[in-house]
């Protein structure tokens, strides 16, 4: 497999910086970083983004997530390795990522469970984070970006955000 072209976020540093800045807003609202990374991994699995599945799996490993958590994100409902708050975030992620799959894309029960664990600012952060990873996924899937096999290093990220 070969990439069709560079990702639009790599071709246009303004796009890259905007997506990075948008993603960072979610980090400032009190949702644990590991929860956000779990939602990124789950959305990326749903969207078939190998680049992001690889990257967010490695990110979770670096954050201290257990192998069991990383390996079972796709089957989180049947896995004992997630907290109630993480489960609520993962359910919200699935609903928001699959909005065209059902008549009621984000069912009241999914929203109520998320609202039980997160305040309004945190729910907003989750929604922004989920939307942002879906943008990255769409860019990467459309252009067939390949997994790096490693997390991007700080120098690469710094160079792209200048």
Protein backbone atom coordinates (compact mmCIF):
# COMPACT_ATOMS: atom_id res chain seq x y z
CA UNK A 1 0.00 0.00 0.00
CA UNK A 2 1.17 3.49 -0.79
CA UNK A 3 -0.13 6.89 0.24
CA UNK A 4 -2.02 8.71 -2.50
CA UNK A 5 -0.57 12.03 -1.43
CA UNK A 6 0.48 13.78 1.75
CA UNK A 7 -2.31 14.51 4.20
CA UNK A 8 -3.93 17.93 3.71
CA UNK A 9 -2.80 18.70 7.26
CA UNK A 10 0.81 18.12 6.24
CA UNK A 11 0.54 19.96 2.94
CA UNK A 12 -0.91 23.06 4.60
CA UNK A 13 0.66 23.97 7.92
CA UNK A 14 -2.30 26.27 8.66
CA UNK A 15 -4.59 23.22 8.62
CA UNK A 16 -2.15 21.28 10.82
CA UNK A 17 -1.86 24.12 13.33
CA UNK A 18 -5.63 24.62 13.41
CA UNK A 19 -6.29 20.93 14.10
CA UNK A 20 -3.58 20.78 16.76
CA UNK A 21 -4.98 23.93 18.41
CA UNK A 22 -8.53 22.56 18.26
CA UNK A 23 -7.39 19.29 19.83
CA UNK A 24 -5.52 21.10 22.59
CA UNK A 25 -8.72 22.89 23.69
CA UNK A 26 -10.04 19.50 24.81
CA UNK A 27 -7.02 18.93 27.02
CA UNK A 28 -7.85 21.92 29.21
CA UNK A 29 -11.30 20.88 30.43
CA UNK A 30 -10.59 18.17 32.97
CA UNK A 31 -11.14 15.05 30.88
CA UNK A 32 -8.22 12.70 31.62
CA UNK A 33 -5.69 12.55 28.78
CA UNK A 34 -5.92 8.75 28.76
CA UNK A 35 -9.70 8.94 28.26
CA UNK A 36 -9.24 11.28 25.30
CA UNK A 37 -6.64 8.91 23.85
CA UNK A 38 -9.01 5.95 24.29
CA UNK A 39 -11.70 7.85 22.37
CA UNK A 40 -9.18 8.69 19.64
CA UNK A 41 -8.25 5.04 19.32
CA UNK A 42 -11.89 3.91 19.21
CA UNK A 43 -12.94 6.47 16.57
CA UNK A 44 -9.88 5.56 14.51
CA UNK A 45 -10.79 1.86 14.70
CA UNK A 46 -14.32 2.61 13.54
CA UNK A 47 -13.08 4.78 10.67
CA UNK A 48 -10.38 2.32 9.61
CA UNK A 49 -7.51 4.78 10.04
CA UNK A 50 -4.44 2.59 10.41
CA UNK A 51 -2.19 5.61 10.89
CA UNK A 52 -4.22 6.81 13.89
CA UNK A 53 -4.87 3.35 15.34
CA UNK A 54 -1.13 2.79 15.41
CA UNK A 55 -0.35 6.26 16.79
CA UNK A 56 -2.99 6.28 19.52
CA UNK A 57 -2.19 2.71 20.61
CA UNK A 58 1.42 3.78 21.09
CA UNK A 59 0.32 6.99 22.79
CA UNK A 60 -1.79 5.01 25.26
CA UNK A 61 1.11 2.67 25.94
CA UNK A 62 3.35 5.67 26.64
CA UNK A 63 0.68 7.09 29.01
CA UNK A 64 0.70 3.87 31.03
CA UNK A 65 -2.47 2.22 29.74
CA UNK A 66 -2.34 -1.53 30.18
CA UNK A 67 -1.96 -3.85 27.22
CA UNK A 68 -5.37 -5.26 28.10
CA UNK A 69 -6.97 -1.82 27.78
CA UNK A 70 -5.30 -1.09 24.46
CA UNK A 71 -6.08 -4.53 23.00
CA UNK A 72 -9.74 -4.46 24.04
CA UNK A 73 -10.83 -0.92 23.12
CA UNK A 74 -12.77 -2.27 20.14
CA UNK A 75 -14.67 -4.60 22.50
CA UNK A 76 -14.91 -2.26 25.49
CA UNK A 77 -18.47 -3.32 26.32
CA UNK A 78 -17.28 -6.88 26.98
CA UNK A 79 -14.06 -5.84 28.70
CA UNK A 80 -13.61 -5.29 32.45
CA UNK A 81 -10.65 -2.94 31.95
CA UNK A 82 -12.48 0.41 31.69
CA UNK A 83 -14.04 2.70 34.27
CA UNK A 84 -17.63 3.87 34.06
CA UNK A 85 -16.47 7.28 32.87
CA UNK A 86 -14.28 5.73 30.17
CA UNK A 87 -17.19 3.55 29.04
CA UNK A 88 -19.44 6.60 28.81
CA UNK A 89 -16.81 8.43 26.73
CA UNK A 90 -16.37 5.43 24.44
CA UNK A 91 -20.13 5.09 23.92
CA UNK A 92 -20.36 8.80 23.11
CA UNK A 93 -17.44 8.41 20.70
CA UNK A 94 -19.14 5.58 18.86
CA UNK A 95 -22.42 7.48 18.58
CA UNK A 96 -20.84 10.73 17.39
CA UNK A 97 -18.54 8.91 14.95
CA UNK A 98 -21.39 6.85 13.48
CA UNK A 99 -23.99 9.62 13.18
CA UNK A 100 -25.36 8.31 9.87
CA UNK A 101 -25.87 4.75 11.12
CA UNK A 102 -29.11 5.26 13.02
CA UNK A 103 -32.17 7.47 13.23
CA UNK A 104 -31.19 8.78 16.66
CA UNK A 105 -27.42 9.20 16.27
CA UNK A 106 -26.71 10.07 19.91
CA UNK A 107 -29.41 8.35 21.95
CA UNK A 108 -30.60 10.00 25.16
CA UNK A 109 -29.30 7.04 27.19
CA UNK A 110 -25.76 7.52 25.80
CA UNK A 111 -25.91 11.25 26.45
CA UNK A 112 -27.33 10.81 29.96
CA UNK A 113 -24.61 8.34 30.91
CA UNK A 114 -21.92 10.69 29.62
CA UNK A 115 -23.53 13.60 31.49
CA UNK A 116 -23.51 11.51 34.66
CA UNK A 117 -19.70 11.35 34.50
CA UNK A 118 -18.78 14.67 32.88
CA UNK A 119 -19.90 18.26 33.41
CA UNK A 120 -20.92 20.49 30.51
CA UNK A 121 -17.40 21.81 29.86
CA UNK A 122 -16.04 18.27 29.82
CA UNK A 123 -18.82 17.08 27.51
CA UNK A 124 -17.96 19.94 25.18
CA UNK A 125 -14.31 18.90 25.34
CA UNK A 126 -15.22 15.31 24.50
CA UNK A 127 -17.32 16.42 21.54
CA UNK A 128 -14.54 18.66 20.21
CA UNK A 129 -12.01 15.87 20.69
CA UNK A 130 -14.21 13.30 18.94
CA UNK A 131 -14.91 15.68 16.05
CA UNK A 132 -11.21 16.49 15.71
CA UNK A 133 -10.07 12.86 15.56
CA UNK A 134 -12.76 12.22 12.96
CA UNK A 135 -11.27 15.01 10.80
CA UNK A 136 -7.78 13.51 11.14
CA UNK A 137 -9.20 10.06 10.30
CA UNK A 138 -10.94 11.32 7.19
CA UNK A 139 -7.82 13.07 5.90
CA UNK A 140 -5.68 10.00 6.55
CA UNK A 141 -8.11 7.42 5.17
CA UNK A 142 -8.84 9.43 2.01
CA UNK A 143 -5.14 9.88 1.27
CA UNK A 144 -4.17 6.38 2.51
CA UNK A 145 -1.65 7.53 5.09
CA UNK A 146 0.47 4.65 6.35
CA UNK A 147 1.16 3.88 9.99
CA UNK A 148 4.48 5.26 11.18
CA UNK A 149 5.25 2.38 13.50
CA UNK A 150 6.22 4.96 16.13
CA UNK A 151 4.92 8.13 17.70
CA UNK A 152 5.90 11.29 15.79
CA UNK A 153 8.89 12.80 17.56
CA UNK A 154 8.80 16.22 19.19
CA UNK A 155 11.08 17.74 16.54
CA UNK A 156 8.72 16.68 13.74
CA UNK A 157 5.69 18.09 15.53
CA UNK A 158 7.56 21.29 16.35
CA UNK A 159 8.62 21.75 12.74
CA UNK A 160 5.07 21.28 11.52
CA UNK A 161 3.58 23.74 13.99
CA UNK A 162 5.92 26.64 13.27
